[in-house]
Amino acid sequence: MFPDYLANTARVNLKYAKGLVVDLEDEQFCEQPGSIVNHPAWILAHMCSANETGLSLLAREPVMPEELAARYRRGSEPTAERSDYPSKEELLSYFERQTESLIAGVRELDPAQLQEPMTIERLKERFPHIGDGVVYLLTAHPAIHLGQLSAWRRAMGMGPIN
């Protein structure tokens, strides 16, 4: 069934995210080597913020406090100040719990609900239906930012992960 494919892809992204940061020290999370602006702290915080949007679309309980999620929404700018972000462990915990809640939410939906019009005004143009937004948030959005995190690792002189 379709939610199983979505769940598998979301979990691949989750595993990749963990692998990309497992060997990083928390203090490295805001380093911006060369011209790379998006560092691990912002990338993970931003993905968690986006996941909160997905949770609201599926009428799921929030995982990350709203005031925290609001700081990392689309259009936010990364800062070099480590204290502007939760710890690595907190960010990974948010991301994992959100991913699992989003998967559960998709599985609980009647497939017709995914065809309902997008309810968040700022997303309507890009994602006309709730399903469009949810699929993007569980697949393409994390993939985009995990690619940035992989490039950040290379700029820091770190090798790829398996």
N, C-alpha and C. Protein backbone atom coordinates (compact mmCIF):
# COMPACT_ATOMS: atom_id res chain seq x y z
N MET A 1 0.84 -1.19 0.00
CA MET A 1 0.00 0.00 0.00
C MET A 1 0.88 1.25 0.00
N PHE A 2 0.38 2.33 -0.56
CA PHE A 2 1.14 3.56 -0.70
C PHE A 2 1.76 4.07 0.60
N PRO A 3 1.06 4.09 1.73
CA PRO A 3 1.72 4.58 2.95
C PRO A 3 2.96 3.80 3.33
N ASP A 4 3.03 2.51 2.96
CA ASP A 4 4.23 1.73 3.27
C ASP A 4 5.43 2.25 2.49
N TYR A 5 5.23 2.62 1.22
CA TYR A 5 6.32 3.20 0.44
C TYR A 5 6.77 4.53 1.04
N LEU A 6 5.81 5.31 1.43
CA LEU A 6 6.11 6.60 2.04
C LEU A 6 6.85 6.41 3.36
N ALA A 7 6.39 5.47 4.17
CA ALA A 7 7.04 5.19 5.45
C ALA A 7 8.47 4.72 5.25
N ASN A 8 8.68 3.84 4.30
CA ASN A 8 10.04 3.34 4.05
C ASN A 8 10.97 4.46 3.63
N THR A 9 10.51 5.33 2.74
CA THR A 9 11.34 6.45 2.29
C THR A 9 11.63 7.40 3.44
N ALA A 10 10.63 7.71 4.25
CA ALA A 10 10.82 8.60 5.39
C ALA A 10 11.84 8.01 6.37
N ARG A 11 11.78 6.71 6.57
CA ARG A 11 12.73 6.08 7.50
C ARG A 11 14.14 6.01 6.91
N VAL A 12 14.26 5.90 5.60
CA VAL A 12 15.58 5.97 4.97
C VAL A 12 16.17 7.36 5.22
N ASN A 13 15.36 8.41 5.04
CA ASN A 13 15.82 9.77 5.30
C ASN A 13 16.24 9.93 6.76
N LEU A 14 15.46 9.38 7.68
CA LEU A 14 15.78 9.46 9.11
C LEU A 14 17.12 8.78 9.40
N LYS A 15 17.30 7.58 8.87
CA LYS A 15 18.55 6.86 9.09
C LYS A 15 19.74 7.63 8.50
N TYR A 16 19.53 8.20 7.33
CA TYR A 16 20.60 8.97 6.69
C TYR A 16 20.94 10.21 7.53
N ALA A 17 19.93 10.88 8.04
CA ALA A 17 20.15 12.06 8.89
C ALA A 17 20.99 11.69 10.11
N LYS A 18 20.64 10.60 10.75
CA LYS A 18 21.40 10.16 11.93
C LYS A 18 22.84 9.83 11.55
N GLY A 19 23.02 9.16 10.42
CA GLY A 19 24.35 8.79 9.97
C GLY A 19 25.22 9.99 9.65
N LEU A 20 24.60 11.04 9.13
CA LEU A 20 25.36 12.24 8.77
C LEU A 20 25.89 13.01 9.98
N VAL A 21 25.28 12.81 11.12
CA VAL A 21 25.69 13.60 12.30
C VAL A 21 26.23 12.75 13.44
N VAL A 22 26.20 11.44 13.30
CA VAL A 22 26.58 10.57 14.41
C VAL A 22 27.99 10.87 14.94
N ASP A 23 28.91 11.20 14.06
CA ASP A 23 30.29 11.42 14.47
C ASP A 23 30.61 12.90 14.73
N LEU A 24 29.61 13.75 14.71
CA LEU A 24 29.83 15.18 14.95
C LEU A 24 29.71 15.51 16.42
N GLU A 25 30.55 16.38 16.86
CA GLU A 25 30.43 16.92 18.22
C GLU A 25 29.39 18.04 18.18
N ASP A 26 28.66 18.18 19.25
CA ASP A 26 27.62 19.19 19.31
C ASP A 26 28.18 20.59 19.00
N GLU A 27 29.42 20.83 19.40
CA GLU A 27 30.04 22.14 19.20
C GLU A 27 30.28 22.44 17.72
N GLN A 28 30.34 21.43 16.88
CA GLN A 28 30.57 21.62 15.45
C GLN A 28 29.30 22.03 14.71
N PHE A 29 28.18 21.92 15.33
CA PHE A 29 26.89 22.04 14.65
C PHE A 29 26.62 23.39 14.00
N CYS A 30 27.34 24.42 14.36
CA CYS A 30 27.10 25.75 13.77
C CYS A 30 28.28 26.23 12.93
N GLU A 31 29.23 25.38 12.67
CA GLU A 31 30.36 25.78 11.85
C GLU A 31 29.90 25.95 10.41
N GLN A 32 30.45 26.98 9.75
CA GLN A 32 30.09 27.32 8.38
C GLN A 32 31.36 27.39 7.53
N PRO A 33 31.85 26.24 7.08
CA PRO A 33 33.10 26.23 6.32
C PRO A 33 32.93 26.86 4.93
N GLY A 34 33.92 27.63 4.54
CA GLY A 34 33.91 28.23 3.21
C GLY A 34 32.65 29.05 2.98
N SER A 35 31.98 28.77 1.88
CA SER A 35 30.78 29.53 1.54
C SER A 35 29.49 28.81 1.96
N ILE A 36 29.62 27.72 2.71
CA ILE A 36 28.44 26.96 3.13
C ILE A 36 27.78 27.67 4.30
N VAL A 37 26.54 28.03 4.11
CA VAL A 37 25.79 28.77 5.13
C VAL A 37 24.98 27.83 6.01
N ASN A 38 24.28 26.88 5.39
CA ASN A 38 23.40 25.99 6.15
C ASN A 38 24.22 24.93 6.87
N HIS A 39 24.29 25.06 8.18
CA HIS A 39 25.05 24.13 9.01
C HIS A 39 24.11 23.09 9.63
N PRO A 40 24.66 22.05 10.25
CA PRO A 40 23.83 20.97 10.77
C PRO A 40 22.73 21.42 11.74
N ALA A 41 23.03 22.36 12.61
CA ALA A 41 22.01 22.80 13.58
C ALA A 41 20.82 23.41 12.86
N TRP A 42 21.08 24.30 11.90
CA TRP A 42 19.95 24.91 11.18
C TRP A 42 19.23 23.88 10.32
N ILE A 43 19.98 23.03 9.63
CA ILE A 43 19.35 22.05 8.75
C ILE A 43 18.40 21.16 9.53
N LEU A 44 18.86 20.59 10.63
CA LEU A 44 18.00 19.72 11.42
C LEU A 44 16.83 20.49 12.04
N ALA A 45 17.11 21.69 12.56
CA ALA A 45 16.04 22.49 13.16
C ALA A 45 14.99 22.86 12.11
N HIS A 46 15.44 23.20 10.92
CA HIS A 46 14.52 23.56 9.85
C HIS A 46 13.68 22.36 9.41
N MET A 47 14.31 21.19 9.28
CA MET A 47 13.53 20.00 8.91
C MET A 47 12.51 19.68 9.99
N CYS A 48 12.87 19.86 11.25
CA CYS A 48 11.92 19.63 12.35
C CYS A 48 10.78 20.64 12.29
N SER A 49 11.09 21.88 11.99
CA SER A 49 10.06 22.90 11.87
C SER A 49 9.08 22.54 10.76
N ALA A 50 9.62 22.10 9.63
CA ALA A 50 8.76 21.70 8.52
C ALA A 50 7.89 20.50 8.90
N ASN A 51 8.47 19.56 9.63
CA ASN A 51 7.69 18.41 10.08
C ASN A 51 6.53 18.82 10.97
N GLU A 52 6.71 19.86 11.75
CA GLU A 52 5.60 20.35 12.59
C GLU A 52 4.44 20.81 11.71
N THR A 53 4.77 21.40 10.57
CA THR A 53 3.72 21.78 9.63
C THR A 53 2.97 20.54 9.15
N GLY A 54 3.72 19.50 8.82
CA GLY A 54 3.08 18.25 8.41
C GLY A 54 2.20 17.66 9.50
N LEU A 55 2.66 17.71 10.73
CA LEU A 55 1.86 17.19 11.84
C LEU A 55 0.55 17.97 11.97
N SER A 56 0.63 19.28 11.78
CA SER A 56 -0.61 20.08 11.87
C SER A 56 -1.56 19.74 10.73
N LEU A 57 -1.03 19.47 9.54
CA LEU A 57 -1.88 19.09 8.41
C LEU A 57 -2.64 17.79 8.69
N LEU A 58 -2.02 16.91 9.44
CA LEU A 58 -2.62 15.61 9.75
C LEU A 58 -3.33 15.60 11.10
N ALA A 59 -3.46 16.79 11.70
CA ALA A 59 -4.11 16.93 13.01
C ALA A 59 -3.44 16.05 14.07
N ARG A 60 -2.11 16.02 14.03
CA ARG A 60 -1.33 15.25 15.00
C ARG A 60 -0.81 16.21 16.07
N GLU A 61 -0.52 15.66 17.23
CA GLU A 61 0.04 16.46 18.32
C GLU A 61 1.43 16.97 17.94
N PRO A 62 1.73 18.22 18.28
CA PRO A 62 3.08 18.72 18.01
C PRO A 62 4.13 17.98 18.84
N VAL A 63 5.32 17.93 18.33
CA VAL A 63 6.45 17.32 19.03
C VAL A 63 7.38 18.43 19.53
N MET A 64 7.62 19.40 18.68
CA MET A 64 8.52 20.51 18.98
C MET A 64 7.68 21.69 19.44
N PRO A 65 8.13 22.40 20.47
CA PRO A 65 7.37 23.59 20.89
C PRO A 65 7.19 24.58 19.74
N GLU A 66 6.01 25.14 19.60
CA GLU A 66 5.69 26.06 18.49
C GLU A 66 6.65 27.22 18.40
N GLU A 67 6.99 27.82 19.54
CA GLU A 67 7.89 28.99 19.50
C GLU A 67 9.27 28.60 18.98
N LEU A 68 9.67 27.37 19.20
CA LEU A 68 10.95 26.89 18.67
C LEU A 68 10.82 26.61 17.17
N ALA A 69 9.77 25.92 16.79
CA ALA A 69 9.56 25.60 15.37
C ALA A 69 9.46 26.86 14.53
N ALA A 70 8.84 27.89 15.05
CA ALA A 70 8.65 29.14 14.31
C ALA A 70 9.99 29.80 13.96
N ARG A 71 11.01 29.57 14.77
CA ARG A 71 12.32 30.21 14.54
C ARG A 71 13.04 29.66 13.31
N TYR A 72 12.65 28.47 12.86
CA TYR A 72 13.40 27.81 11.78
C TYR A 72 12.57 27.56 10.53
N ARG A 73 11.46 28.26 10.40
CA ARG A 73 10.61 28.07 9.22
C ARG A 73 11.29 28.58 7.95
N ARG A 74 10.65 28.29 6.84
CA ARG A 74 11.16 28.75 5.55
C ARG A 74 11.43 30.24 5.61
N GLY A 75 12.57 30.62 5.11
CA GLY A 75 12.97 32.02 5.12
C GLY A 75 13.84 32.39 6.31
N SER A 76 13.98 31.48 7.27
CA SER A 76 14.85 31.77 8.42
C SER A 76 16.31 31.73 7.97
N GLU A 77 17.13 32.40 8.70
CA GLU A 77 18.56 32.49 8.37
C GLU A 77 19.38 31.76 9.43
N PRO A 78 20.30 30.90 9.03
CA PRO A 78 21.18 30.25 10.00
C PRO A 78 22.06 31.28 10.70
N THR A 79 22.31 31.04 11.97
CA THR A 79 23.25 31.87 12.72
C THR A 79 24.41 31.00 13.16
N ALA A 80 25.53 31.62 13.46
CA ALA A 80 26.71 30.90 13.93
C ALA A 80 26.69 30.69 15.43
N GLU A 81 25.66 31.15 16.09
CA GLU A 81 25.56 31.09 17.55
C GLU A 81 24.96 29.75 17.97
N ARG A 82 25.77 28.90 18.59
CA ARG A 82 25.31 27.56 18.97
C ARG A 82 24.11 27.60 19.92
N SER A 83 24.05 28.60 20.77
CA SER A 83 22.95 28.69 21.74
C SER A 83 21.60 29.02 21.08
N ASP A 84 21.60 29.34 19.79
CA ASP A 84 20.36 29.61 19.07
C ASP A 84 19.62 28.33 18.68
N TYR A 85 20.21 27.17 18.98
CA TYR A 85 19.66 25.90 18.53
C TYR A 85 19.62 24.88 19.66
N PRO A 86 18.67 23.95 19.58
CA PRO A 86 18.69 22.82 20.52
C PRO A 86 19.92 21.95 20.29
N SER A 87 20.21 21.08 21.23
CA SER A 87 21.35 20.16 21.11
C SER A 87 21.12 19.17 19.97
N LYS A 88 22.20 18.54 19.57
CA LYS A 88 22.13 17.50 18.55
C LYS A 88 21.13 16.42 18.97
N GLU A 89 21.21 15.98 20.20
CA GLU A 89 20.32 14.92 20.68
C GLU A 89 18.86 15.35 20.65
N GLU A 90 18.59 16.60 21.05
CA GLU A 90 17.21 17.10 21.01
C GLU A 90 16.70 17.15 19.57
N LEU A 91 17.50 17.66 18.67
CA LEU A 91 17.08 17.77 17.27
C LEU A 91 16.81 16.40 16.67
N LEU A 92 17.69 15.45 16.92
CA LEU A 92 17.47 14.10 16.40
C LEU A 92 16.23 13.45 17.03
N SER A 93 16.01 13.72 18.29
CA SER A 93 14.82 13.18 18.95
C SER A 93 13.55 13.76 18.36
N TYR A 94 13.53 15.08 18.16
CA TYR A 94 12.37 15.71 17.51
C TYR A 94 12.13 15.09 16.14
N PHE A 95 13.19 14.99 15.35
CA PHE A 95 13.07 14.50 13.98
C PHE A 95 12.54 13.07 13.94
N GLU A 96 13.07 12.22 14.80
CA GLU A 96 12.61 10.83 14.82
C GLU A 96 11.16 10.72 15.26
N ARG A 97 10.81 11.40 16.33
CA ARG A 97 9.43 11.34 16.83
C ARG A 97 8.45 11.93 15.81
N GLN A 98 8.83 13.01 15.15
CA GLN A 98 7.97 13.61 14.13
C GLN A 98 7.79 12.66 12.96
N THR A 99 8.88 12.06 12.50
CA THR A 99 8.79 11.14 11.37
C THR A 99 7.82 10.01 11.68
N GLU A 100 7.96 9.41 12.84
CA GLU A 100 7.08 8.30 13.21
C GLU A 100 5.63 8.76 13.36
N SER A 101 5.43 9.95 13.89
CA SER A 101 4.06 10.47 14.03
C SER A 101 3.45 10.78 12.66
N LEU A 102 4.25 11.32 11.76
CA LEU A 102 3.75 11.58 10.40
C LEU A 102 3.39 10.28 9.70
N ILE A 103 4.21 9.27 9.85
CA ILE A 103 3.91 7.97 9.25
C ILE A 103 2.61 7.42 9.81
N ALA A 104 2.47 7.48 11.13
CA ALA A 104 1.23 6.99 11.76
C ALA A 104 0.03 7.79 11.27
N GLY A 105 0.21 9.09 11.14
CA GLY A 105 -0.88 9.94 10.68
C GLY A 105 -1.34 9.61 9.28
N VAL A 106 -0.39 9.35 8.39
CA VAL A 106 -0.74 8.98 7.01
C VAL A 106 -1.47 7.64 7.00
N ARG A 107 -0.99 6.72 7.81
CA ARG A 107 -1.63 5.39 7.85
C ARG A 107 -3.06 5.45 8.38
N GLU A 108 -3.33 6.39 9.28
CA GLU A 108 -4.65 6.49 9.89
C GLU A 108 -5.66 7.24 9.02
N LEU A 109 -5.16 7.97 8.03
CA LEU A 109 -6.05 8.75 7.18
C LEU A 109 -6.82 7.89 6.20
N ASP A 110 -8.00 8.32 5.91
CA ASP A 110 -8.72 7.80 4.76
C ASP A 110 -8.00 8.41 3.55
N PRO A 111 -7.63 7.62 2.55
CA PRO A 111 -6.90 8.18 1.40
C PRO A 111 -7.57 9.41 0.78
N ALA A 112 -8.88 9.50 0.87
CA ALA A 112 -9.58 10.66 0.32
C ALA A 112 -9.18 11.95 1.03
N GLN A 113 -8.77 11.84 2.29
CA GLN A 113 -8.38 13.04 3.04
C GLN A 113 -7.13 13.69 2.47
N LEU A 114 -6.28 12.88 1.85
CA LEU A 114 -5.08 13.44 1.24
C LEU A 114 -5.41 14.30 0.02
N GLN A 115 -6.60 14.12 -0.55
CA GLN A 115 -7.04 14.92 -1.69
C GLN A 115 -7.71 16.22 -1.28
N GLU A 116 -7.90 16.41 0.02
CA GLU A 116 -8.53 17.65 0.49
C GLU A 116 -7.62 18.83 0.19
N PRO A 117 -8.21 20.01 -0.03
CA PRO A 117 -7.40 21.20 -0.33
C PRO A 117 -6.44 21.54 0.83
N MET A 118 -5.30 22.06 0.45
CA MET A 118 -4.32 22.52 1.43
C MET A 118 -4.96 23.56 2.33
N THR A 119 -4.74 23.43 3.61
CA THR A 119 -5.36 24.33 4.59
C THR A 119 -4.43 25.44 5.07
N ILE A 120 -3.15 25.35 4.74
CA ILE A 120 -2.19 26.38 5.16
C ILE A 120 -1.98 27.33 3.99
N GLU A 121 -2.37 28.55 4.17
CA GLU A 121 -2.38 29.53 3.08
C GLU A 121 -1.05 29.65 2.37
N ARG A 122 0.05 29.76 3.11
CA ARG A 122 1.36 29.97 2.50
C ARG A 122 1.84 28.79 1.66
N LEU A 123 1.16 27.64 1.79
CA LEU A 123 1.56 26.45 1.05
C LEU A 123 0.65 26.12 -0.13
N LYS A 124 -0.48 26.80 -0.23
CA LYS A 124 -1.48 26.44 -1.24
C LYS A 124 -0.98 26.48 -2.66
N GLU A 125 -0.15 27.44 -2.99
CA GLU A 125 0.32 27.56 -4.37
C GLU A 125 1.22 26.38 -4.75
N ARG A 126 2.10 25.99 -3.86
CA ARG A 126 3.02 24.90 -4.14
C ARG A 126 2.39 23.53 -3.98
N PHE A 127 1.48 23.42 -3.03
CA PHE A 127 0.89 22.12 -2.69
C PHE A 127 -0.63 22.27 -2.62
N PRO A 128 -1.33 22.03 -3.71
CA PRO A 128 -2.77 22.26 -3.72
C PRO A 128 -3.57 21.34 -2.80
N HIS A 129 -3.02 20.15 -2.51
CA HIS A 129 -3.73 19.19 -1.66
C HIS A 129 -2.89 18.84 -0.43
N ILE A 130 -3.54 18.43 0.62
CA ILE A 130 -2.83 18.02 1.83
C ILE A 130 -1.83 16.92 1.51
N GLY A 131 -2.24 15.97 0.68
CA GLY A 131 -1.35 14.87 0.32
C GLY A 131 -0.08 15.35 -0.36
N ASP A 132 -0.18 16.37 -1.20
CA ASP A 132 1.00 16.92 -1.87
C ASP A 132 2.02 17.40 -0.83
N GLY A 133 1.53 18.13 0.15
CA GLY A 133 2.41 18.67 1.19
C GLY A 133 3.01 17.59 2.06
N VAL A 134 2.21 16.62 2.44
CA VAL A 134 2.69 15.56 3.32
C VAL A 134 3.74 14.70 2.62
N VAL A 135 3.49 14.33 1.38
CA VAL A 135 4.47 13.52 0.65
C VAL A 135 5.78 14.29 0.50
N TYR A 136 5.71 15.56 0.16
CA TYR A 136 6.91 16.38 0.03
C TYR A 136 7.67 16.44 1.35
N LEU A 137 6.95 16.66 2.45
CA LEU A 137 7.62 16.80 3.75
C LEU A 137 8.26 15.50 4.23
N LEU A 138 7.75 14.38 3.80
CA LEU A 138 8.33 13.10 4.22
C LEU A 138 9.41 12.58 3.27
N THR A 139 9.52 13.16 2.09
CA THR A 139 10.46 12.61 1.11
C THR A 139 11.42 13.66 0.57
N ALA A 140 10.94 14.54 -0.29
CA ALA A 140 11.80 15.48 -1.00
C ALA A 140 12.43 16.52 -0.09
N HIS A 141 11.65 17.08 0.82
CA HIS A 141 12.19 18.15 1.68
C HIS A 141 13.40 17.66 2.48
N PRO A 142 13.28 16.54 3.20
CA PRO A 142 14.48 16.10 3.92
C PRO A 142 15.62 15.73 2.97
N ALA A 143 15.32 15.15 1.83
CA ALA A 143 16.38 14.78 0.90
C ALA A 143 17.17 16.00 0.44
N ILE A 144 16.49 17.09 0.18
CA ILE A 144 17.16 18.33 -0.22
C ILE A 144 18.15 18.76 0.86
N HIS A 145 17.66 18.82 2.09
CA HIS A 145 18.50 19.33 3.17
C HIS A 145 19.55 18.33 3.63
N LEU A 146 19.28 17.05 3.50
CA LEU A 146 20.32 16.07 3.83
C LEU A 146 21.45 16.13 2.81
N GLY A 147 21.13 16.47 1.57
CA GLY A 147 22.18 16.71 0.58
C GLY A 147 23.05 17.88 0.99
N GLN A 148 22.44 18.93 1.55
CA GLN A 148 23.22 20.06 2.05
C GLN A 148 24.13 19.63 3.19
N LEU A 149 23.59 18.78 4.05
CA LEU A 149 24.38 18.31 5.19
C LEU A 149 25.55 17.44 4.72
N SER A 150 25.34 16.65 3.69
CA SER A 150 26.42 15.86 3.13
C SER A 150 27.50 16.77 2.55
N ALA A 151 27.09 17.83 1.85
CA ALA A 151 28.06 18.79 1.29
C ALA A 151 28.81 19.50 2.41
N TRP A 152 28.12 19.82 3.50
CA TRP A 152 28.76 20.45 4.66
C TRP A 152 29.86 19.53 5.19
N ARG A 153 29.57 18.25 5.30
CA ARG A 153 30.57 17.30 5.79
C ARG A 153 31.82 17.33 4.91
N ARG A 154 31.60 17.33 3.60
CA ARG A 154 32.74 17.35 2.68
C ARG A 154 33.55 18.63 2.85
N ALA A 155 32.86 19.76 3.02
CA ALA A 155 33.56 21.03 3.20
C ALA A 155 34.34 21.05 4.51
N MET A 156 33.91 20.26 5.49
CA MET A 156 34.60 20.16 6.77
C MET A 156 35.74 19.14 6.71
N GLY A 157 35.93 18.51 5.54
CA GLY A 157 36.99 17.53 5.38
C GLY A 157 36.61 16.14 5.87
N MET A 158 35.34 15.90 6.03
CA MET A 158 34.87 14.58 6.48
C MET A 158 34.45 13.75 5.28
N GLY A 159 34.60 12.47 5.41
CA GLY A 159 34.25 11.57 4.33
C GLY A 159 32.76 11.29 4.28
N PRO A 160 32.35 10.57 3.25
CA PRO A 160 30.94 10.19 3.12
C PRO A 160 30.57 9.15 4.16
N ILE A 161 29.29 8.95 4.33
CA ILE A 161 28.83 7.89 5.22
C ILE A 161 28.23 6.78 4.36
N ASN A 162 28.10 5.62 4.94
CA ASN A 162 27.50 4.49 4.22
C ASN A 162 26.06 4.32 4.61
